[in-house]
Amino acid sequence: MVDKSRPRTGSLQYYPRSRADKETPSFRAFSAPKAGKAKAVNFFGYKAGMVQIGGKDLRKSTPSTGHDIIMAGTVIECPPLRVIGIRVTGWNDGRTGINVLTEMWADKADRHLQKKIYNFKSPQSKKKKTKTVYKTISDLEKIKDQIANVRLLVATQPSLTGFGKKKPDVSEVAISGGVDEQLAFAKEKLGNELHLKEVFENNTLMDVKAVSTGKGMQGVIKRHNVKIQRHKAKKQRAVGSIGPWHPPTVMWTVARAGQMGYNSRTEFNKKILVLGEKGKAISPSSGFAHYGNVSNDFVLVAGSIPGPSKRCIGLRLPTRPSRENRIKLEEISFISTVTHGKAATEETPKAAKVEAQKVEKKEHKSVEDELKQAAK
């Protein structure tokens, strides 16, 4: 009888592995709102690229405790969001559950927003006898008893970045606090900008959501990491058996070929290492590969995130508890931005010079060199 070397491959956590419906991420759950001051709890940015981070490890009971370590980090450029409207959800008569009660829009729209929302308060045609009446803050105050949540309708501003995109991504931003505080905060922000530092703080955690990099149609070996069959088998890059005779169908748990990548994925509790205002200090001299230079607010998170460069990334305050000592750095000594063999920044040669000095100290001297040194 053949030994079972690996009975199953391919995770069943995500099913079906189909393409995402939309590329702009949206959150369905947020951290529990706290009574008091209202605050935005999520944000949006664009993935620029990855860097190397060096610093001293402060974690306890690890092999690298107290030593300098190098880890990967991801730079996300976050230009300010333009608040274009307010969406109110609550309990409506004749319906079950929470639904959208009404929406309120800003007076003026950016010229790039017209590409995304074509009829954004456009002039009415002369054929219509009645004009569209838009909601105001006083209208929202009248239905305060029915309101459950107040959300901000925001549009990103990719035109402020350097990778060439102009059409914004439109989504929602949730607000913490009670209904009164949410209405006051929404009234203050309507038509204005929302900045990154109003949501997140340095050395805290965040959740990241994005659509992963698409790979297209792939075989079962690459898609599910199935073992390649021996050379005498009928097929090598295929599953040895797709199931029993009965039931006479292929079960959904069997690894099969199909779409790989371009899935909506959420990663929890990513450590915020740096919150910066101007990205020139962290951009490579020739810019990030396939992106360009970072010129707006940015956030540097530890590790990797889903998606390629230029992909819209959703950022959210953490919703799950996490260990505090997962990543602890005393001080970031250098950030290496060398990508694909391109020119390095000023910090990288310093780090390389330190490594070269350490190597020279460990060089073994020959017997002739020692005799010459003794003769001197």
Protein backbone atom coordinates (compact mmCIF):
# COMPACT_ATOMS: atom_id res chain seq x y z
CA MET A 1 0.00 0.00 0.00
CA VAL A 2 1.25 3.47 -0.87
CA ASP A 3 2.09 5.70 2.10
CA LYS A 4 0.03 8.86 2.50
CA SER A 5 2.67 11.55 2.22
CA ARG A 6 0.29 14.51 2.05
CA PRO A 7 -3.45 13.77 2.19
CA ARG A 8 -4.70 17.26 1.32
CA THR A 9 -3.37 20.54 -0.13
CA GLY A 10 -5.00 23.87 -0.79
CA SER A 11 -6.68 25.88 1.93
CA LEU A 12 -10.47 25.64 2.21
CA GLN A 13 -10.66 28.87 4.22
CA TYR A 14 -11.65 30.94 1.17
CA TYR A 15 -14.27 29.53 -1.16
CA PRO A 16 -14.98 30.12 -3.97
CA ARG A 17 -11.67 31.52 -5.18
CA SER A 18 -13.30 33.94 -7.59
CA ARG A 19 -12.35 37.40 -8.77
CA ALA A 20 -13.26 40.34 -6.56
CA ASP A 21 -16.41 42.24 -7.50
CA LYS A 22 -14.70 45.63 -7.22
CA GLU A 23 -11.15 46.87 -6.79
CA THR A 24 -11.94 49.59 -4.25
CA PRO A 25 -12.02 47.98 -0.78
CA SER A 26 -14.93 48.52 1.60
CA PHE A 27 -15.29 47.49 5.24
CA ARG A 28 -18.39 45.91 6.76
CA ALA A 29 -17.24 45.86 10.40
CA PHE A 30 -15.54 48.47 12.55
CA SER A 31 -14.24 48.72 16.09
CA ALA A 32 -16.85 49.39 18.77
CA PRO A 33 -17.65 53.14 18.80
CA LYS A 34 -16.72 54.93 22.00
CA ALA A 35 -18.97 57.58 23.47
CA GLY A 36 -17.52 61.06 23.39
CA LYS A 37 -15.47 62.79 20.71
CA ALA A 38 -16.29 61.69 17.16
CA LYS A 39 -13.46 60.40 15.00
CA ALA A 40 -13.05 58.73 11.61
CA VAL A 41 -12.10 55.06 11.98
CA ASN A 42 -10.88 54.15 8.48
CA PHE A 43 -8.91 55.66 5.60
CA PHE A 44 -7.71 54.90 2.07
CA GLY A 45 -4.35 55.09 0.33
CA TYR A 46 -2.26 53.68 -2.52
CA LYS A 47 0.50 51.10 -2.27
CA ALA A 48 3.85 52.56 -3.34
CA GLY A 49 6.37 49.77 -2.70
CA MET A 50 8.44 47.93 -0.11
CA VAL A 51 11.61 48.86 1.81
CA GLN A 52 14.07 47.28 4.24
CA ILE A 53 14.04 48.51 7.85
CA GLY A 54 16.90 48.12 10.34
CA GLY A 55 16.67 48.51 14.11
CA LYS A 56 17.32 46.94 17.51
CA ASP A 57 14.94 44.16 18.55
CA LEU A 58 13.35 44.76 21.98
CA ARG A 59 11.23 41.61 22.14
CA LYS A 60 11.86 39.30 25.08
CA SER A 61 12.71 35.59 24.87
CA THR A 62 13.74 35.68 21.21
CA PRO A 63 17.07 34.71 19.64
CA SER A 64 17.52 38.27 18.33
CA THR A 65 16.78 40.11 21.59
CA GLY A 66 18.99 43.20 21.83
CA HIS A 67 20.50 42.66 18.37
CA ASP A 68 20.12 44.68 15.19
CA ILE A 69 17.62 43.08 12.83
CA ILE A 70 16.41 43.80 9.31
CA MET A 71 12.76 43.43 8.39
CA ALA A 72 10.50 44.25 5.45
CA GLY A 73 8.09 47.17 5.36
CA THR A 74 5.49 48.58 2.98
CA VAL A 75 4.98 52.26 2.10
CA ILE A 76 1.38 53.39 1.54
CA GLU A 77 0.86 56.91 0.17
CA CYS A 78 -2.24 58.52 1.66
CA PRO A 79 -3.22 61.84 0.07
CA PRO A 80 -6.05 63.62 1.93
CA LEU A 81 -9.58 62.40 1.27
CA ARG A 82 -12.21 64.79 -0.09
CA VAL A 83 -15.53 64.50 1.79
CA ILE A 84 -18.20 64.70 -0.93
CA GLY A 85 -21.29 63.66 1.02
CA ILE A 86 -22.99 62.25 4.10
CA ARG A 87 -24.88 58.94 4.17
CA VAL A 88 -27.34 58.26 6.99
CA THR A 89 -28.49 54.72 7.85
CA GLY A 90 -31.22 53.71 10.27
CA TRP A 91 -34.64 52.13 10.75
CA ASN A 92 -37.18 53.08 8.09
CA ASP A 93 -40.94 52.51 8.33
CA GLY A 94 -42.11 49.39 6.55
CA ARG A 95 -38.65 47.84 6.32
CA THR A 96 -36.72 45.41 8.47
CA GLY A 97 -33.18 46.05 9.58
CA ILE A 98 -30.94 49.04 9.01
CA ASN A 99 -31.16 50.67 5.58
CA VAL A 100 -29.99 53.88 3.95
CA LEU A 101 -32.38 56.66 4.98
CA THR A 102 -31.00 59.55 2.95
CA GLU A 103 -27.84 61.14 1.56
CA MET A 104 -26.51 64.68 1.53
CA TRP A 105 -23.95 65.89 -1.01
CA ALA A 106 -21.45 68.73 -1.10
CA ASP A 107 -22.09 71.79 -3.25
CA LYS A 108 -19.08 71.59 -5.54
CA ALA A 109 -17.36 68.61 -7.12
CA ASP A 110 -13.77 68.25 -8.24
CA ARG A 111 -13.28 68.07 -12.00
CA HIS A 112 -11.79 64.59 -11.65
CA LEU A 113 -14.82 63.45 -9.65
CA GLN A 114 -17.04 64.19 -12.66
CA LYS A 115 -15.36 61.24 -14.40
CA LYS A 116 -16.50 58.93 -11.60
CA ILE A 117 -19.95 60.39 -10.85
CA TYR A 118 -21.29 61.84 -14.11
CA ASN A 119 -24.43 63.52 -12.75
CA PHE A 120 -22.93 65.03 -9.60
CA LYS A 121 -25.38 67.91 -9.12
CA SER A 122 -25.43 68.56 -12.86
CA PRO A 123 -27.84 71.23 -14.20
CA GLN A 124 -31.37 69.95 -14.81
CA SER A 125 -32.73 69.92 -18.34
CA LYS A 126 -35.41 72.43 -19.34
CA LYS A 127 -37.95 69.69 -20.06
CA LYS A 128 -38.31 68.86 -16.36
CA LYS A 129 -40.88 71.00 -14.54
CA THR A 130 -39.60 70.19 -11.04
CA LYS A 131 -36.05 70.59 -9.83
CA THR A 132 -34.25 68.08 -7.67
CA VAL A 133 -34.31 69.11 -4.00
CA TYR A 134 -31.12 68.19 -2.16
CA LYS A 135 -31.02 67.35 1.53
CA THR A 136 -29.56 69.71 4.13
CA ILE A 137 -28.35 69.34 7.72
CA SER A 138 -31.71 70.57 9.02
CA ASP A 139 -33.40 67.69 7.19
CA LEU A 140 -31.12 65.23 8.95
CA GLU A 141 -31.93 66.75 12.33
CA LYS A 142 -35.64 66.02 11.79
CA ILE A 143 -35.07 62.26 11.45
CA LYS A 144 -32.52 61.98 14.26
CA ASP A 145 -34.67 59.43 16.12
CA GLN A 146 -34.41 56.99 13.20
CA ILE A 147 -30.66 57.37 12.64
CA ALA A 148 -28.39 54.48 13.62
CA ASN A 149 -25.10 55.48 11.93
CA VAL A 150 -23.67 58.42 10.02
CA ARG A 151 -21.03 57.74 7.36
CA LEU A 152 -18.89 60.07 5.28
CA LEU A 153 -18.87 59.63 1.51
CA VAL A 154 -15.27 60.30 0.49
CA ALA A 155 -13.28 60.40 -2.72
CA THR A 156 -9.57 59.76 -2.93
CA GLN A 157 -7.31 62.23 -4.74
CA PRO A 158 -4.91 60.18 -6.87
CA SER A 159 -4.22 63.28 -8.96
CA LEU A 160 -1.96 64.46 -6.11
CA THR A 161 0.23 61.37 -6.52
CA GLY A 162 2.81 60.77 -9.21
CA PHE A 163 1.74 57.51 -10.85
CA GLY A 164 -0.68 59.07 -13.34
CA LYS A 165 -4.14 58.13 -12.07
CA LYS A 166 -6.77 60.89 -12.08
CA LYS A 167 -10.15 59.20 -11.54
CA PRO A 168 -10.85 58.94 -7.78
CA ASP A 169 -12.07 55.95 -5.80
CA VAL A 170 -15.32 56.60 -3.91
CA SER A 171 -16.15 54.81 -0.66
CA GLU A 172 -17.43 55.28 2.90
CA VAL A 173 -15.67 56.35 6.11
CA ALA A 174 -17.26 55.35 9.41
CA ILE A 175 -17.40 57.68 12.43
CA SER A 176 -17.14 56.74 16.11
CA GLY A 177 -19.22 58.24 18.91
CA GLY A 178 -22.94 58.86 19.37
CA VAL A 179 -25.39 60.08 16.75
CA ASP A 180 -25.15 63.72 17.86
CA GLU A 181 -21.35 63.65 17.75
CA GLN A 182 -21.40 61.92 14.37
CA LEU A 183 -23.73 64.53 12.86
CA ALA A 184 -21.59 67.38 14.20
CA PHE A 185 -18.40 65.78 12.86
CA ALA A 186 -19.98 65.12 9.45
CA LYS A 187 -21.26 68.70 9.22
CA GLU A 188 -17.76 70.01 9.97
CA LYS A 189 -16.04 67.80 7.39
CA LEU A 190 -18.55 68.10 4.53
CA GLY A 191 -16.78 69.65 1.55
CA ASN A 192 -13.40 69.64 3.33
CA GLU A 193 -10.45 67.26 3.49
CA LEU A 194 -9.76 64.39 5.89
CA HIS A 195 -6.09 63.75 6.69
CA LEU A 196 -4.27 60.58 7.72
CA LYS A 197 -3.12 61.81 11.14
CA GLU A 198 -6.72 62.47 12.14
CA VAL A 199 -7.32 58.70 12.10
CA PHE A 200 -4.09 56.88 13.04
CA GLU A 201 -1.20 57.38 15.45
CA ASN A 202 2.40 56.27 15.35
CA ASN A 203 3.42 52.90 16.88
CA THR A 204 -0.14 51.55 16.85
CA LEU A 205 -1.91 48.81 14.90
CA MET A 206 -4.18 48.89 11.86
CA ASP A 207 -6.11 46.49 9.63
CA VAL A 208 -5.38 46.46 5.90
CA LYS A 209 -7.75 45.38 3.12
CA ALA A 210 -7.02 45.18 -0.60
CA VAL A 211 -7.49 43.09 -3.72
CA SER A 212 -4.53 40.76 -4.17
CA THR A 213 -2.39 40.57 -7.30
CA GLY A 214 -4.17 38.73 -10.10
CA LYS A 215 -2.50 35.69 -11.68
CA GLY A 216 -5.25 34.69 -14.11
CA MET A 217 -6.04 31.08 -15.00
CA GLN A 218 -3.51 28.77 -13.33
CA GLY A 219 -3.05 25.03 -13.01
CA VAL A 220 -3.55 22.96 -9.91
CA ILE A 221 0.19 22.81 -9.09
CA LYS A 222 0.66 26.57 -8.79
CA ARG A 223 -2.84 27.29 -7.47
CA HIS A 224 -2.98 24.67 -4.69
CA ASN A 225 0.66 23.50 -4.36
CA VAL A 226 -0.25 19.91 -5.22
CA LYS A 227 2.64 17.45 -5.47
CA ILE A 228 3.91 16.73 -8.99
CA GLN A 229 3.36 13.10 -10.02
CA ARG A 230 6.22 10.75 -10.83
CA HIS A 231 7.49 10.60 -14.40
CA LYS A 232 5.71 7.33 -15.25
CA ALA A 233 2.27 8.66 -14.33
CA LYS A 234 -0.29 9.52 -17.00
CA LYS A 235 -0.11 13.21 -16.08
CA GLN A 236 2.54 14.92 -14.00
CA ARG A 237 1.10 18.39 -13.22
CA ALA A 238 -2.33 17.15 -12.13
CA VAL A 239 -4.12 15.62 -9.15
CA GLY A 240 -3.65 11.85 -8.88
CA SER A 241 -7.32 11.22 -8.05
CA ILE A 242 -10.26 13.62 -8.15
CA GLY A 243 -12.49 11.46 -5.95
CA PRO A 244 -14.24 8.09 -5.52
CA TRP A 245 -16.62 6.38 -7.93
CA HIS A 246 -19.60 7.20 -5.73
CA PRO A 247 -20.93 9.78 -5.17
CA PRO A 248 -20.68 10.25 -8.95
CA THR A 249 -19.53 13.87 -8.78
CA VAL A 250 -16.38 15.85 -8.11
CA MET A 251 -16.56 17.28 -4.59
CA TRP A 252 -15.81 20.93 -3.99
CA THR A 253 -12.92 20.05 -1.65
CA VAL A 254 -10.85 18.62 -4.52
CA ALA A 255 -8.05 20.89 -5.73
CA ARG A 256 -8.78 22.05 -9.28
CA ALA A 257 -7.36 24.54 -11.77
CA GLY A 258 -8.96 27.97 -12.07
CA GLN A 259 -8.67 31.65 -11.19
CA MET A 260 -5.70 32.55 -8.99
CA GLY A 261 -5.32 35.90 -7.29
CA TYR A 262 -7.37 39.11 -7.59
CA ASN A 263 -9.23 38.21 -4.39
CA SER A 264 -10.36 40.61 -1.68
CA ARG A 265 -8.23 39.93 1.41
CA THR A 266 -7.99 41.51 4.88
CA GLU A 267 -4.90 41.38 7.09
CA PHE A 268 -5.27 42.23 10.76
CA ASN A 269 -3.04 44.08 13.23
CA LYS A 270 -0.29 45.50 11.02
CA LYS A 271 2.22 47.56 13.03
CA ILE A 272 2.56 51.25 12.10
CA LEU A 273 6.26 52.10 12.18
CA VAL A 274 6.30 55.60 10.67
CA LEU A 275 3.63 58.22 9.96
CA GLY A 276 5.16 60.82 7.66
CA GLU A 277 3.96 64.02 6.05
CA LYS A 278 6.26 64.31 3.03
CA GLY A 279 7.44 61.17 1.31
CA LYS A 280 10.65 62.55 -0.22
CA ALA A 281 12.66 61.21 2.72
CA ILE A 282 11.47 57.65 2.14
CA SER A 283 11.34 57.61 -1.67
CA PRO A 284 14.27 56.14 -3.62
CA SER A 285 16.35 58.57 -5.66
CA SER A 286 14.74 57.24 -8.85
CA GLY A 287 11.31 56.60 -7.31
CA PHE A 288 9.58 53.36 -6.45
CA ALA A 289 9.44 50.83 -9.27
CA HIS A 290 6.21 51.11 -11.32
CA TYR A 291 4.99 53.91 -9.00
CA GLY A 292 7.23 56.96 -8.76
CA ASN A 293 8.00 59.34 -5.92
CA VAL A 294 5.88 59.69 -2.77
CA SER A 295 4.99 63.36 -2.22
CA ASN A 296 2.02 63.22 0.21
CA ASP A 297 1.32 61.81 3.66
CA PHE A 298 2.42 58.21 3.97
CA VAL A 299 2.38 55.33 6.44
CA LEU A 300 5.12 52.70 6.76
CA VAL A 301 3.76 49.38 8.06
CA ALA A 302 5.71 46.29 9.04
CA GLY A 303 5.56 43.37 6.64
CA SER A 304 3.76 43.03 3.34
CA ILE A 305 0.20 43.80 2.28
CA PRO A 306 -1.96 42.41 -0.55
CA GLY A 307 -1.95 43.84 -4.04
CA PRO A 308 0.57 45.33 -6.48
CA SER A 309 1.80 48.92 -6.54
CA LYS A 310 -0.81 51.61 -7.37
CA ARG A 311 -3.56 49.42 -5.82
CA CYS A 312 -6.11 51.21 -3.60
CA ILE A 313 -5.64 50.07 0.02
CA GLY A 314 -8.25 50.28 2.77
CA LEU A 315 -6.94 51.13 6.26
CA ARG A 316 -8.97 50.61 9.44
CA LEU A 317 -8.52 50.87 13.20
CA PRO A 318 -7.91 47.36 14.63
CA THR A 319 -10.96 45.24 15.46
CA ARG A 320 -9.21 42.25 17.06
CA PRO A 321 -6.93 42.07 20.12
CA SER A 322 -3.28 41.33 19.46
CA ARG A 323 -0.05 40.72 21.32
CA GLU A 324 1.89 43.92 21.88
CA ASN A 325 5.35 42.34 21.58
CA ARG A 326 4.98 41.03 18.04
CA ILE A 327 7.19 43.82 16.68
CA LYS A 328 9.25 46.01 19.02
CA LEU A 329 12.03 48.19 17.67
CA GLU A 330 13.98 50.57 19.90
CA GLU A 331 14.87 52.91 17.06
CA ILE A 332 14.85 52.61 13.29
CA SER A 333 18.53 52.96 12.40
CA PHE A 334 18.10 53.01 8.63
CA ILE A 335 15.51 52.48 5.88
CA SER A 336 16.91 50.96 2.70
CA THR A 337 14.90 51.87 -0.38
CA VAL A 338 17.01 50.05 -2.98
CA THR A 339 14.60 48.35 -5.38
CA HIS A 340 15.50 46.20 -8.38
CA GLY A 341 19.17 47.22 -8.28
CA LYS A 342 18.50 50.95 -8.56
CA ALA A 343 20.41 53.72 -6.81
CA ALA A 344 20.32 53.76 -3.03
CA THR A 345 19.44 56.59 -0.67
CA GLU A 346 21.89 58.21 1.73
CA GLU A 347 21.05 55.81 4.56
CA THR A 348 21.88 52.65 2.62
CA PRO A 349 25.64 53.30 2.00
CA LYS A 350 26.07 53.92 5.74
CA ALA A 351 24.54 50.56 6.55
CA ALA A 352 26.66 48.84 3.90
CA LYS A 353 29.82 50.52 5.27
CA VAL A 354 29.17 49.21 8.77
CA GLU A 355 28.77 45.68 7.44
CA ALA A 356 32.04 45.96 5.47
CA GLN A 357 33.97 47.02 8.58
CA LYS A 358 32.65 44.02 10.50
CA VAL A 359 33.81 41.69 7.73
CA GLU A 360 37.32 43.17 7.71
CA LYS A 361 37.77 42.47 11.42
CA LYS A 362 36.98 38.80 10.88
CA GLU A 363 39.53 38.35 8.06
CA HIS A 364 42.11 35.61 8.73
CA LYS A 365 45.79 36.68 8.54
CA SER A 366 48.37 34.38 7.00
CA VAL A 367 51.63 33.25 8.72
CA GLU A 368 53.77 35.50 6.49
CA ASP A 369 51.74 38.59 7.48
CA GLU A 370 52.16 37.77 11.16
CA LEU A 371 55.97 37.34 10.76
CA LYS A 372 56.26 40.68 8.94
CA GLN A 373 54.24 42.41 11.63
CA ALA A 374 56.43 40.84 14.36
CA ALA A 375 59.62 41.95 12.57
CA LYS A 376 58.39 45.55 12.50
